[in-house]
Each structure stands twice: as C-alpha cells, then as structure tokens.
N, C-alpha and C. Protein backbone atom coordinates (compact mmCIF):
# COMPACT_ATOMS: atom_id res chain seq x y z
N MET A 1 145.54 111.31 77.01
CA MET A 1 143.55 111.35 76.59
C MET A 1 143.34 110.08 77.60
N LYS A 2 144.10 108.49 77.16
CA LYS A 2 143.45 107.22 77.33
C LYS A 2 142.65 107.16 78.66
N LYS A 3 144.28 107.66 79.18
CA LYS A 3 144.17 108.21 80.67
C LYS A 3 142.60 108.99 81.40
N GLN A 4 142.68 109.89 81.02
CA GLN A 4 141.52 110.49 81.15
C GLN A 4 139.98 109.93 80.85
N LEU A 5 140.22 108.80 80.21
CA LEU A 5 138.79 108.08 79.79
C LEU A 5 138.91 107.16 80.50
N PHE A 6 139.68 106.50 81.08
CA PHE A 6 139.52 105.22 81.34
C PHE A 6 139.09 106.05 82.32
N PHE A 7 140.04 107.19 83.42
CA PHE A 7 139.04 107.34 84.60
C PHE A 7 138.28 107.77 84.87
N LEU A 8 137.71 108.23 84.10
CA LEU A 8 136.27 108.96 84.13
C LEU A 8 135.40 107.58 83.88
N PHE A 9 135.54 106.55 82.77
CA PHE A 9 135.41 105.21 83.02
C PHE A 9 135.20 105.03 84.84
N LEU A 10 136.30 104.41 84.77
CA LEU A 10 135.70 104.22 86.28
C LEU A 10 135.59 104.92 87.85
N ALA A 11 135.73 106.45 87.61
CA ALA A 11 135.00 107.07 88.44
C ALA A 11 133.04 106.52 88.00
N LEU A 12 132.93 106.70 86.41
CA LEU A 12 131.30 106.64 86.79
C LEU A 12 130.53 104.88 86.82
N VAL A 13 132.18 104.01 86.67
CA VAL A 13 131.51 102.82 87.43
C VAL A 13 130.95 103.34 89.13
N PHE A 14 132.12 103.86 89.35
CA PHE A 14 132.56 103.39 91.05
C PHE A 14 130.65 104.46 91.14
N ILE A 15 130.56 105.50 91.47
CA ILE A 15 129.04 106.25 91.02
C ILE A 15 127.72 105.81 91.25
N GLY A 16 128.25 104.74 89.88
CA GLY A 16 126.58 104.04 90.07
C GLY A 16 126.53 102.17 90.58
N CYS A 17 127.87 102.27 91.78
CA CYS A 17 127.20 101.49 92.44
C CYS A 17 127.82 101.76 93.53
N ALA A 18 127.80 103.63 93.90
CA ALA A 18 127.82 104.22 95.10
C ALA A 18 126.09 104.59 95.56
N GLY A 19 124.72 104.19 94.80
CA GLY A 19 124.02 104.70 94.70
C GLY A 19 122.85 104.41 95.75
N LYS A 20 122.09 105.40 96.57
CA LYS A 20 121.14 105.29 97.91
C LYS A 20 120.26 104.33 97.45
N THR A 21 121.04 103.29 98.94
CA THR A 21 120.67 102.60 99.18
C THR A 21 119.57 102.78 100.35
N GLN A 22 118.44 101.33 100.63
CA GLN A 22 117.31 102.23 101.05
C GLN A 22 117.79 100.77 102.62
N LEU A 23 117.58 101.92 103.54
CA LEU A 23 117.83 101.29 104.27
C LEU A 23 116.75 101.34 105.47
N ASP A 24 115.04 101.73 104.88
CA ASP A 24 113.92 101.29 105.85
C ASP A 24 113.08 100.47 104.48
N ARG A 25 113.35 99.63 104.91
CA ARG A 25 111.93 98.59 104.25
C ARG A 25 111.04 97.41 104.50
N ASP A 26 110.79 98.81 106.18
CA ASP A 26 109.45 97.67 106.94
C ASP A 26 108.22 97.56 105.98
N ILE A 27 107.30 97.03 106.53
CA ILE A 27 106.31 97.21 105.14
C ILE A 27 105.40 97.16 106.73
N VAL A 28 104.26 98.45 106.47
CA VAL A 28 103.23 98.12 106.96
C VAL A 28 102.08 98.11 106.93
N GLN A 29 101.09 97.18 106.93
CA GLN A 29 99.71 97.17 105.05
C GLN A 29 98.68 97.00 106.88
N SER A 30 97.72 97.90 105.95
CA SER A 30 96.18 97.97 106.52
C SER A 30 95.30 96.74 105.89
N SER A 31 94.24 95.70 106.51
CA SER A 31 93.55 94.99 106.04
C SER A 31 92.17 96.17 105.42
N GLU A 32 92.26 97.26 105.77
CA GLU A 32 90.78 97.75 105.97
C GLU A 32 91.47 98.94 105.29
N ALA A 33 91.00 99.61 104.07
CA ALA A 33 91.28 100.67 103.69
C ALA A 33 90.41 102.32 104.67
N ILE A 34 91.49 103.61 105.32
CA ILE A 34 90.81 104.14 105.72
C ILE A 34 91.16 105.70 105.33
N PHE A 35 89.77 106.34 105.14
CA PHE A 35 90.08 107.91 104.06
C PHE A 35 89.15 108.61 105.31
N ILE A 36 89.76 109.18 106.25
CA ILE A 36 89.20 109.97 106.82
C ILE A 36 89.08 111.58 106.81
N ASP A 37 87.86 111.77 106.21
CA ASP A 37 87.41 113.12 105.44
C ASP A 37 86.41 114.29 105.95
N LYS A 38 86.12 113.78 107.60
CA LYS A 38 85.87 114.96 108.84
C LYS A 38 86.88 115.20 109.52
N LYS A 39 86.57 116.48 109.68
CA LYS A 39 87.26 117.16 110.50
C LYS A 39 86.60 117.45 111.87
N PRO A 40 87.98 116.59 112.90
CA PRO A 40 87.44 117.00 114.23
C PRO A 40 87.39 118.20 114.70
N LYS A 41 86.07 118.59 115.74
CA LYS A 41 85.57 119.54 116.58
C LYS A 41 86.92 120.42 116.87
N ASN A 42 87.64 119.56 117.33
CA ASN A 42 88.63 120.00 119.01
C ASN A 42 90.26 119.43 117.84
N ASN A 43 91.21 119.63 118.52
CA ASN A 43 92.50 119.71 118.27
C ASN A 43 92.65 118.90 119.91
N LYS A 44 91.64 118.19 120.26
CA LYS A 44 92.46 117.42 121.54
C LYS A 44 91.57 115.80 121.21
N ALA A 45 93.04 115.24 121.64
CA ALA A 45 93.23 113.27 121.68
C ALA A 45 93.34 112.71 122.39
N PHE A 46 92.40 111.82 123.04
CA PHE A 46 92.34 110.18 123.44
C PHE A 46 93.07 109.95 123.32
N VAL A 47 93.98 108.67 123.27
CA VAL A 47 94.57 107.53 123.22
C VAL A 47 95.06 106.68 124.01
N LYS A 48 94.72 105.09 123.84
CA LYS A 48 95.29 104.28 124.50
C LYS A 48 95.03 102.97 123.83
N PHE A 49 95.67 101.81 124.34
CA PHE A 49 96.49 100.91 123.97
C PHE A 49 96.37 99.81 124.88
N THR A 50 95.75 98.97 124.32
CA THR A 50 95.88 97.80 125.02
C THR A 50 97.05 96.64 124.68
N ASN A 51 97.27 95.48 125.41
CA ASN A 51 98.37 94.84 125.14
C ASN A 51 98.45 93.07 125.18
N THR A 52 98.38 92.50 123.98
CA THR A 52 97.46 91.55 124.49
C THR A 52 99.38 90.33 123.93
N SER A 53 99.75 90.57 123.55
CA SER A 53 101.18 90.02 123.27
C SER A 53 101.34 89.66 124.28
N ASN A 54 102.95 88.68 123.66
CA ASN A 54 103.35 88.74 125.33
C ASN A 54 104.90 89.73 125.53
N LEU A 55 104.97 90.48 124.90
CA LEU A 55 105.98 91.66 125.12
C LEU A 55 105.16 93.01 125.39
N ASP A 56 106.66 93.99 126.21
CA ASP A 56 105.94 94.68 127.05
C ASP A 56 105.80 95.94 125.98
N SER A 57 104.85 96.95 126.11
CA SER A 57 105.65 98.08 124.46
C SER A 57 105.10 99.04 125.76
N ASN A 58 105.44 99.94 124.85
CA ASN A 58 105.19 101.45 125.27
C ASN A 58 103.97 102.22 124.10
N LEU A 59 103.42 101.66 123.15
CA LEU A 59 102.86 101.81 122.10
C LEU A 59 102.18 103.48 122.31
N THR A 60 101.08 103.93 123.19
CA THR A 60 99.96 104.36 123.59
C THR A 60 101.29 106.01 124.03
N GLU A 61 102.09 105.96 124.46
CA GLU A 61 102.82 106.88 125.19
C GLU A 61 103.89 107.16 123.89
N ALA A 62 104.20 106.67 123.10
CA ALA A 62 104.91 106.79 121.15
C ALA A 62 104.25 107.70 120.41
N ILE A 63 103.09 106.87 120.26
CA ILE A 63 101.36 108.06 119.70
C ILE A 63 101.44 109.23 120.12
N SER A 64 101.45 108.77 121.38
CA SER A 64 100.50 110.48 122.19
C SER A 64 101.56 111.30 121.83
N LEU A 65 103.53 110.76 122.08
CA LEU A 65 103.86 111.75 122.02
C LEU A 65 103.98 112.90 120.58
N ASN A 66 103.78 111.51 119.29
CA ASN A 66 103.62 112.40 117.95
C ASN A 66 102.36 112.97 118.22
N LEU A 67 101.45 112.74 118.17
CA LEU A 67 99.91 113.47 118.11
C LEU A 67 101.13 114.86 118.48
N ALA A 68 101.04 114.62 120.22
CA ALA A 68 101.61 116.71 120.17
C ALA A 68 102.36 116.47 120.08
N ASN A 69 103.46 116.15 118.63
CA ASN A 69 104.39 117.46 118.59
C ASN A 69 103.41 117.58 117.28
N ASN A 70 102.63 116.48 117.21
CA ASN A 70 101.98 117.83 115.61
C ASN A 70 100.98 118.33 115.89
N GLY A 71 100.78 119.02 117.04
CA GLY A 71 99.42 119.73 117.47
C GLY A 71 97.57 119.16 117.56
N TYR A 72 98.36 118.24 118.22
CA TYR A 72 96.74 117.67 118.98
C TYR A 72 97.65 118.00 120.76
N GLU A 73 97.13 118.06 121.92
CA GLU A 73 96.66 118.27 122.82
C GLU A 73 96.18 116.60 123.40
N ILE A 74 96.90 116.48 124.19
CA ILE A 74 96.67 114.97 125.15
C ILE A 74 95.75 115.35 125.85
N VAL A 75 94.70 114.75 126.13
CA VAL A 75 93.77 114.78 127.18
C VAL A 75 94.08 113.41 128.47
N ASP A 76 93.08 113.11 129.35
CA ASP A 76 93.23 111.54 130.07
C ASP A 76 91.33 111.09 129.96
N ASP A 77 90.52 112.49 129.79
CA ASP A 77 89.20 112.48 130.08
C ASP A 77 88.53 111.83 128.21
N LYS A 78 87.96 110.89 128.46
CA LYS A 78 87.83 110.48 126.91
C LYS A 78 86.33 110.99 126.68
N GLU A 79 86.53 111.78 127.71
CA GLU A 79 84.96 112.99 126.50
C GLU A 79 85.47 114.23 126.13
N LEU A 80 86.58 114.59 126.68
CA LEU A 80 86.68 115.42 126.20
C LEU A 80 87.59 115.91 125.18
N ALA A 81 87.70 114.59 124.40
CA ALA A 81 88.50 115.21 123.10
C ALA A 81 87.73 114.86 121.45
N SER A 82 88.01 114.82 121.20
CA SER A 82 87.52 114.56 119.87
C SER A 82 88.18 113.29 118.73
N THR A 83 89.35 113.65 118.98
CA THR A 83 89.86 112.62 117.89
C THR A 83 90.27 110.94 119.16
N LYS A 84 89.88 110.13 118.92
CA LYS A 84 90.10 108.79 120.11
C LYS A 84 90.28 107.42 119.41
N ILE A 85 92.11 107.33 120.59
CA ILE A 85 92.52 106.06 118.83
C ILE A 85 92.36 104.82 119.92
N TYR A 86 91.58 104.08 119.74
CA TYR A 86 91.63 102.44 120.75
C TYR A 86 93.05 102.27 119.33
N GLY A 87 93.36 100.93 120.37
CA GLY A 87 94.42 99.61 120.18
C GLY A 87 93.72 98.82 120.38
N ASN A 88 94.82 97.38 120.35
CA ASN A 88 95.33 96.44 120.66
C ASN A 88 97.02 95.51 120.12
N LEU A 89 97.58 95.39 120.28
CA LEU A 89 98.87 95.43 120.10
C LEU A 89 98.45 93.01 120.46
N ASN A 90 98.68 92.78 119.06
CA ASN A 90 98.10 91.60 118.85
C ASN A 90 98.81 90.71 119.03
N TYR A 91 99.93 90.60 118.44
CA TYR A 91 101.34 89.99 118.74
C TYR A 91 102.40 90.77 118.20
N PHE A 92 103.77 90.32 118.40
CA PHE A 92 104.82 91.10 118.19
C PHE A 92 106.21 89.90 118.83
N ARG A 93 106.37 89.31 117.07
CA ARG A 93 107.11 88.27 117.48
C ARG A 93 108.81 88.59 116.78
N ARG A 94 109.14 87.91 116.83
CA ARG A 94 110.92 87.75 116.23
C ARG A 94 111.31 86.38 115.80
N THR A 95 111.22 86.40 113.96
CA THR A 95 111.20 85.38 113.81
C THR A 95 112.68 84.81 113.32
N TYR A 96 114.34 83.42 113.55
CA TYR A 96 115.36 83.60 113.53
C TYR A 96 115.21 83.55 112.46
N ILE A 97 116.36 83.54 111.79
CA ILE A 97 116.90 83.63 110.51
C ILE A 97 118.77 83.18 109.97
N LYS A 98 118.92 81.47 109.03
CA LYS A 98 120.19 82.14 109.42
C LYS A 98 120.44 82.44 107.74
N ASP A 99 121.15 82.82 107.35
CA ASP A 99 121.55 83.12 106.52
C ASP A 99 123.28 82.62 106.06
N ILE A 100 122.94 81.94 104.97
CA ILE A 100 124.67 81.52 104.65
C ILE A 100 125.91 82.06 103.81
N ASP A 101 126.49 82.13 104.66
CA ASP A 101 128.11 83.37 104.48
C ASP A 101 128.33 83.14 103.12
N PRO A 102 128.35 83.05 102.75
CA PRO A 102 129.38 82.77 100.38
C PRO A 102 130.55 82.79 100.82
N PHE A 103 131.00 83.15 102.29
CA PHE A 103 132.51 83.77 102.41
C PHE A 103 133.18 82.12 103.02
N VAL A 104 132.63 82.05 103.78
CA VAL A 104 133.37 80.61 104.37
C VAL A 104 132.58 79.01 104.37
N VAL A 105 131.77 78.97 103.18
CA VAL A 105 131.51 77.95 102.78
C VAL A 105 132.10 77.44 101.71
N SER A 106 132.96 77.46 100.09
CA SER A 106 133.27 77.94 99.48
C SER A 106 132.97 76.64 98.11
N SER A 107 132.84 75.47 98.97
CA SER A 107 132.22 74.11 97.67
C SER A 107 131.79 73.52 98.80
N ILE A 108 130.96 72.41 97.59
CA ILE A 108 129.94 71.72 98.50
C ILE A 108 130.80 70.56 99.47
N ASN A 109 130.28 70.10 100.31
CA ASN A 109 131.18 69.00 101.37
C ASN A 109 132.32 69.43 101.50
N PHE A 110 132.61 70.86 101.54
CA PHE A 110 134.48 71.15 101.71
C PHE A 110 135.05 70.95 102.72
N ARG A 111 134.32 70.65 104.00
CA ARG A 111 134.51 70.50 105.29
C ARG A 111 133.91 69.10 106.06
N TYR A 112 133.39 68.71 105.01
CA TYR A 112 132.73 67.17 105.60
C TYR A 112 133.25 66.39 104.68
N ARG A 113 134.78 66.00 104.96
CA ARG A 113 135.31 64.81 104.74
C ARG A 113 135.54 63.99 105.55
N GLY A 114 136.22 63.02 106.11
CA GLY A 114 136.53 62.13 106.71
C GLY A 114 135.60 61.66 107.66
N TYR A 115 136.70 61.52 108.76
CA TYR A 115 136.43 61.25 110.68
C TYR A 115 135.78 61.63 111.34
N ARG A 116 136.02 63.23 110.79
CA ARG A 116 135.39 64.21 111.99
C ARG A 116 133.72 65.30 110.76
N ARG A 117 132.97 64.52 110.33
CA ARG A 117 132.64 65.15 109.69
C ARG A 117 131.13 65.66 110.90
N TYR A 118 130.83 67.11 110.44
CA TYR A 118 129.92 67.98 111.94
C TYR A 118 128.63 67.80 111.19
N ASP A 119 127.61 67.84 111.54
CA ASP A 119 126.19 68.23 111.40
C ASP A 119 125.99 69.32 111.10
N ILE A 120 125.36 69.43 110.24
CA ILE A 120 124.91 70.55 109.61
C ILE A 120 124.29 71.71 110.47
N LEU A 121 123.51 71.12 111.20
CA LEU A 121 122.55 71.88 111.72
C LEU A 121 122.77 72.48 113.78
N ASP A 122 124.59 71.57 113.48
CA ASP A 122 124.82 71.82 114.87
C ASP A 122 125.36 73.38 114.37
N ASP A 123 125.23 74.39 115.80
CA ASP A 123 125.50 75.86 115.96
C ASP A 123 126.76 76.11 115.88
N TYR A 124 127.66 75.66 116.39
CA TYR A 124 129.01 75.65 116.89
C TYR A 124 129.73 75.90 115.66
N TYR A 125 129.31 74.54 115.14
CA TYR A 125 130.18 74.68 113.58
C TYR A 125 129.88 75.14 112.39
N SER A 126 128.53 76.12 112.54
CA SER A 126 127.67 76.27 111.71
C SER A 126 128.01 77.55 111.00
N SER A 127 128.25 77.28 109.23
CA SER A 127 129.17 78.81 109.06
C SER A 127 127.19 79.62 107.56
N THR A 128 126.55 80.10 109.25
CA THR A 128 125.69 80.84 108.60
C THR A 128 125.71 82.37 109.74
N THR A 129 125.35 83.69 109.14
CA THR A 129 124.71 84.56 110.16
C THR A 129 124.32 84.24 111.11
N ASN A 130 123.45 84.91 111.25
CA ASN A 130 121.65 85.28 112.50
C ASN A 130 121.43 86.34 111.92
N SER A 131 120.01 86.75 111.83
CA SER A 131 119.63 87.70 111.61
C SER A 131 117.45 86.83 111.64
N TYR A 132 117.04 88.63 111.91
CA TYR A 132 116.08 88.33 112.39
C TYR A 132 114.92 89.59 111.99
N ILE A 133 113.53 88.89 111.55
CA ILE A 133 112.37 89.27 111.52
C ILE A 133 111.35 89.17 112.21
N TYR A 134 111.04 90.75 112.63
CA TYR A 134 110.17 91.09 113.42
C TYR A 134 108.51 91.00 112.73
N ASP A 135 108.12 90.46 113.04
CA ASP A 135 105.87 91.15 113.00
C ASP A 135 105.74 91.26 113.70
N ALA A 136 104.42 91.63 113.59
CA ALA A 136 103.95 92.31 114.63
C ALA A 136 102.00 92.75 113.32
N GLN A 137 100.70 93.02 114.58
CA GLN A 137 99.65 93.05 114.57
C GLN A 137 98.98 94.15 115.63
N ILE A 138 98.13 95.47 114.77
CA ILE A 138 97.59 95.76 115.84
C ILE A 138 95.96 95.58 115.04
N SER A 139 94.52 95.65 116.17
CA SER A 139 93.68 96.32 115.95
C SER A 139 93.41 97.24 116.28
N LEU A 140 93.31 98.22 115.16
CA LEU A 140 93.23 100.01 115.00
C LEU A 140 92.13 100.16 115.74
N LEU A 141 91.05 101.39 116.14
CA LEU A 141 89.89 101.58 115.79
C LEU A 141 90.28 103.42 116.18
N ILE A 142 89.85 104.23 115.33
CA ILE A 142 89.46 106.05 115.39
C ILE A 142 88.71 106.57 115.78
N ASP A 143 88.43 106.85 116.68
CA ASP A 143 86.82 107.81 116.32
C ASP A 143 87.02 109.10 116.32
N ILE A 144 86.30 109.53 115.40
CA ILE A 144 86.31 111.39 115.57
C ILE A 144 85.08 111.89 115.15
N ASP A 145 84.12 112.03 116.47
CA ASP A 145 83.46 112.65 116.82
C ASP A 145 82.31 111.96 116.38
N GLY A 146 82.24 110.79 116.62
CA GLY A 146 81.51 109.51 116.64
C GLY A 146 81.57 108.48 115.47
N GLU A 147 82.03 108.93 114.56
CA GLU A 147 82.49 108.33 113.04
C GLU A 147 83.19 107.32 113.47
N LYS A 148 83.64 106.08 113.06
CA LYS A 148 84.28 105.54 113.69
C LYS A 148 85.16 104.31 112.89
N TYR A 149 86.43 104.48 112.74
CA TYR A 149 87.11 103.77 111.12
C TYR A 149 88.34 102.95 111.96
N GLN A 150 88.34 101.40 111.48
CA GLN A 150 88.41 100.60 112.31
C GLN A 150 89.42 99.31 111.14
N THR A 151 90.36 99.07 111.13
CA THR A 151 91.26 98.34 110.50
C THR A 151 92.40 96.99 111.72
N ASN A 152 92.91 96.76 110.96
CA ASN A 152 93.79 95.66 110.97
C ASN A 152 95.52 96.42 110.59
N LEU A 153 96.34 96.36 111.42
CA LEU A 153 97.44 97.23 110.72
C LEU A 153 98.94 95.58 111.19
N ASN A 154 99.21 95.52 110.42
CA ASN A 154 99.91 94.39 110.11
C ASN A 154 101.57 95.00 109.93
N TYR A 155 102.44 94.75 110.60
CA TYR A 155 103.90 95.20 110.48
C TYR A 155 104.33 94.14 109.94
N GLN A 156 105.92 93.80 109.45
CA GLN A 156 106.94 93.20 108.90
C GLN A 156 107.84 94.13 108.65
N SER A 157 109.02 92.97 109.65
CA SER A 157 109.89 93.95 109.55
C SER A 157 111.33 93.45 108.01
N ASP A 158 111.83 94.05 107.49
CA ASP A 158 113.43 93.17 106.84
C ASP A 158 114.18 92.78 107.71
N LYS A 159 115.04 91.99 106.69
CA LYS A 159 116.10 90.89 107.60
C LYS A 159 117.13 92.18 108.57
N ASN A 160 117.21 91.55 109.75
CA ASN A 160 117.95 92.70 110.62
C ASN A 160 118.67 91.49 111.53
N ILE A 161 119.52 92.81 112.18
CA ILE A 161 120.87 92.11 113.75
C ILE A 161 119.57 92.84 114.90
N ASN A 162 118.86 93.92 114.60
CA ASN A 162 118.49 94.41 115.57
C ASN A 162 117.43 93.81 117.38
N SER A 163 117.79 94.52 118.04
CA SER A 163 117.54 93.33 119.49
C SER A 163 115.74 94.06 119.36
N THR A 164 115.29 93.41 119.79
CA THR A 164 114.09 93.63 120.33
C THR A 164 113.28 94.71 120.78
N SER A 165 113.99 95.81 121.16
CA SER A 165 113.68 97.10 122.08
C SER A 165 113.93 97.42 121.30
N THR A 166 114.70 97.65 119.67
CA THR A 166 115.74 98.89 118.71
C THR A 166 114.10 98.19 117.97
N ALA A 167 113.73 97.43 117.82
CA ALA A 167 113.04 96.87 116.55
C ALA A 167 111.52 97.51 117.41
N GLN A 168 111.28 97.84 118.63
CA GLN A 168 109.90 97.83 119.04
C GLN A 168 109.58 99.47 119.12
N ASP A 169 111.00 100.53 118.80
CA ASP A 169 110.57 101.75 118.55
C ASP A 169 111.03 101.80 117.27
N ILE A 170 110.96 101.01 116.55
CA ILE A 170 111.27 101.43 115.35
C ILE A 170 109.96 101.08 114.80
N PHE A 171 109.05 100.07 115.25
CA PHE A 171 107.73 99.71 114.62
C PHE A 171 107.17 100.43 115.50
N ASN A 172 106.99 100.83 116.48
CA ASN A 172 106.82 102.34 117.21
C ASN A 172 105.93 103.63 116.43
N ALA A 173 107.99 103.88 116.01
CA ALA A 173 107.85 105.05 115.20
C ALA A 173 106.32 104.13 113.71
N LYS A 174 107.22 103.16 113.09
CA LYS A 174 105.62 102.91 111.54
C LYS A 174 104.39 102.79 112.78
N ILE A 175 104.25 102.77 113.33
CA ILE A 175 102.80 102.78 113.42
C ILE A 175 102.01 104.31 113.79
N SER A 176 103.12 105.21 114.59
CA SER A 176 103.18 106.49 115.17
C SER A 176 102.60 107.37 113.41
N LYS A 177 103.50 106.78 112.73
CA LYS A 177 103.17 107.31 110.84
C LYS A 177 102.23 106.97 110.70
N GLN A 178 101.83 105.67 110.27
CA GLN A 178 100.67 105.16 109.55
C GLN A 178 99.03 105.61 110.59
N ILE A 179 98.70 106.11 111.25
CA ILE A 179 98.06 106.53 111.82
C ILE A 179 98.34 108.22 111.97
N LEU A 180 99.20 109.01 111.86
CA LEU A 180 99.06 110.78 111.46
C LEU A 180 98.52 110.44 110.02
N GLY A 181 99.02 109.38 109.38
CA GLY A 181 98.62 109.66 108.22
C GLY A 181 97.34 109.74 107.41
N TYR A 182 97.07 108.75 108.26
CA TYR A 182 95.54 108.56 108.28
C TYR A 182 94.37 109.73 109.01
N LEU A 183 94.79 110.55 109.84
CA LEU A 183 94.63 112.08 110.86
C LEU A 183 95.47 113.41 109.65
N GLY A 184 95.66 112.70 108.01
CA GLY A 184 96.31 113.93 107.00
C GLY A 184 97.19 114.39 107.74
N PHE A 185 98.37 113.27 108.24
CA PHE A 185 99.42 113.66 108.26
C PHE A 185 100.41 113.45 106.58
N ALA A 186 99.97 113.49 106.06
CA ALA A 186 100.49 112.31 105.07
C ALA A 186 102.17 112.94 105.18
N ASN A 187 102.32 113.91 104.89
CA ASN A 187 103.84 114.47 104.66
C ASN A 187 104.67 114.40 105.91
N TYR A 188 104.37 113.37 107.06
CA TYR A 188 104.87 113.46 108.64
C TYR A 188 105.99 112.35 107.79
N ASN A 189 107.13 112.80 109.09
CA ASN A 189 108.61 111.62 108.77
C ASN A 189 108.70 111.38 109.64
C-alpha cells in the first residue's frame, strides 16, 4: 500500500510539473482602441502596406491571404472595395540579448584566477547563450465605406532564438490576427 501511495504521489508531482507551456507570448498592443461597428457594403477589400523599415516585408501579401481565407475578395482597385486597409511598417528591429548560463559559471570568479584572466565581455570565453527580442511598429488605417479608424500597432516578441525571417512570419501572423479581430473575426486562430 505504501508503494502505491508513493507512486501516486510521484505521478501527481510529475503531472503538476508537466503543465501546458505557453509558447506564444508575443505581444501586440494598439495605441488607440478601435471599435468597428459599421458593416461594409460588400466583401471586397483593398490592402496596401508601405515599408519605411530596413527590412523587406511581405505584409501586404500575408494580410491579403488571411482576408481571402476569411471570406473577403481582394481587389486591386481601391474604388471597388468597401474595406480598405492601409499601413506602414515603421520599424522592425532585433535586440541582441545575452543570457547567463547557470550551468557553465557555477561560482563567482571561478574561472578568473591567476595569470589567464579572461575578460567578461569577450565573446569567445563568454558563458552566455544568445537570444533575441524582436519589436516592430505599424501605422494602421482601416477605411470602411468612408469611416476611418486609425491606430499604431506595437509588436514585441518574447525572448527566442528565431531568425529574422521566422520572426517576420510570426509577426505577419500576429498582425493579420489583430486586423481580422478588428474586422469582426474575434475567433480567428
């Protein structure tokens, strides 16, 4: 009986430790609240994003694809569309972060004794792992049949080791989800 209770207790401990990890901790914040209560006359949409950042962006294509997947017809002539989405990618930047690895440096000044004292800032002898934080800002204007809604979307990723192209794909998905949320697709995944 004691063994069964022990294994039951052990199983509960491991189940408690194996909770759902939160992988998607990126943040998209809006500078102004947007409440679109006007329904467009038709389901045609025009999307145009410009880019004043130092990064090549395919935000127009990503948002157009997500709108098309959610019932909008994407048109090239803005006069035909009831929903017009304009934006500018103001910046997209990567911040370099060094995380101290607790398994390499186990005590203070453990490695830095004697004749060969290596500088802490030297990357070759550094005991840190590298990660990045990406942040971006978009100026957004949504025009639905002449009624305009304007805001800035600020994006910040969680610490990760993703490349810039992978981070840009995640960014495009987050911004598309935010815009679809404004247009009434609150349950978009």
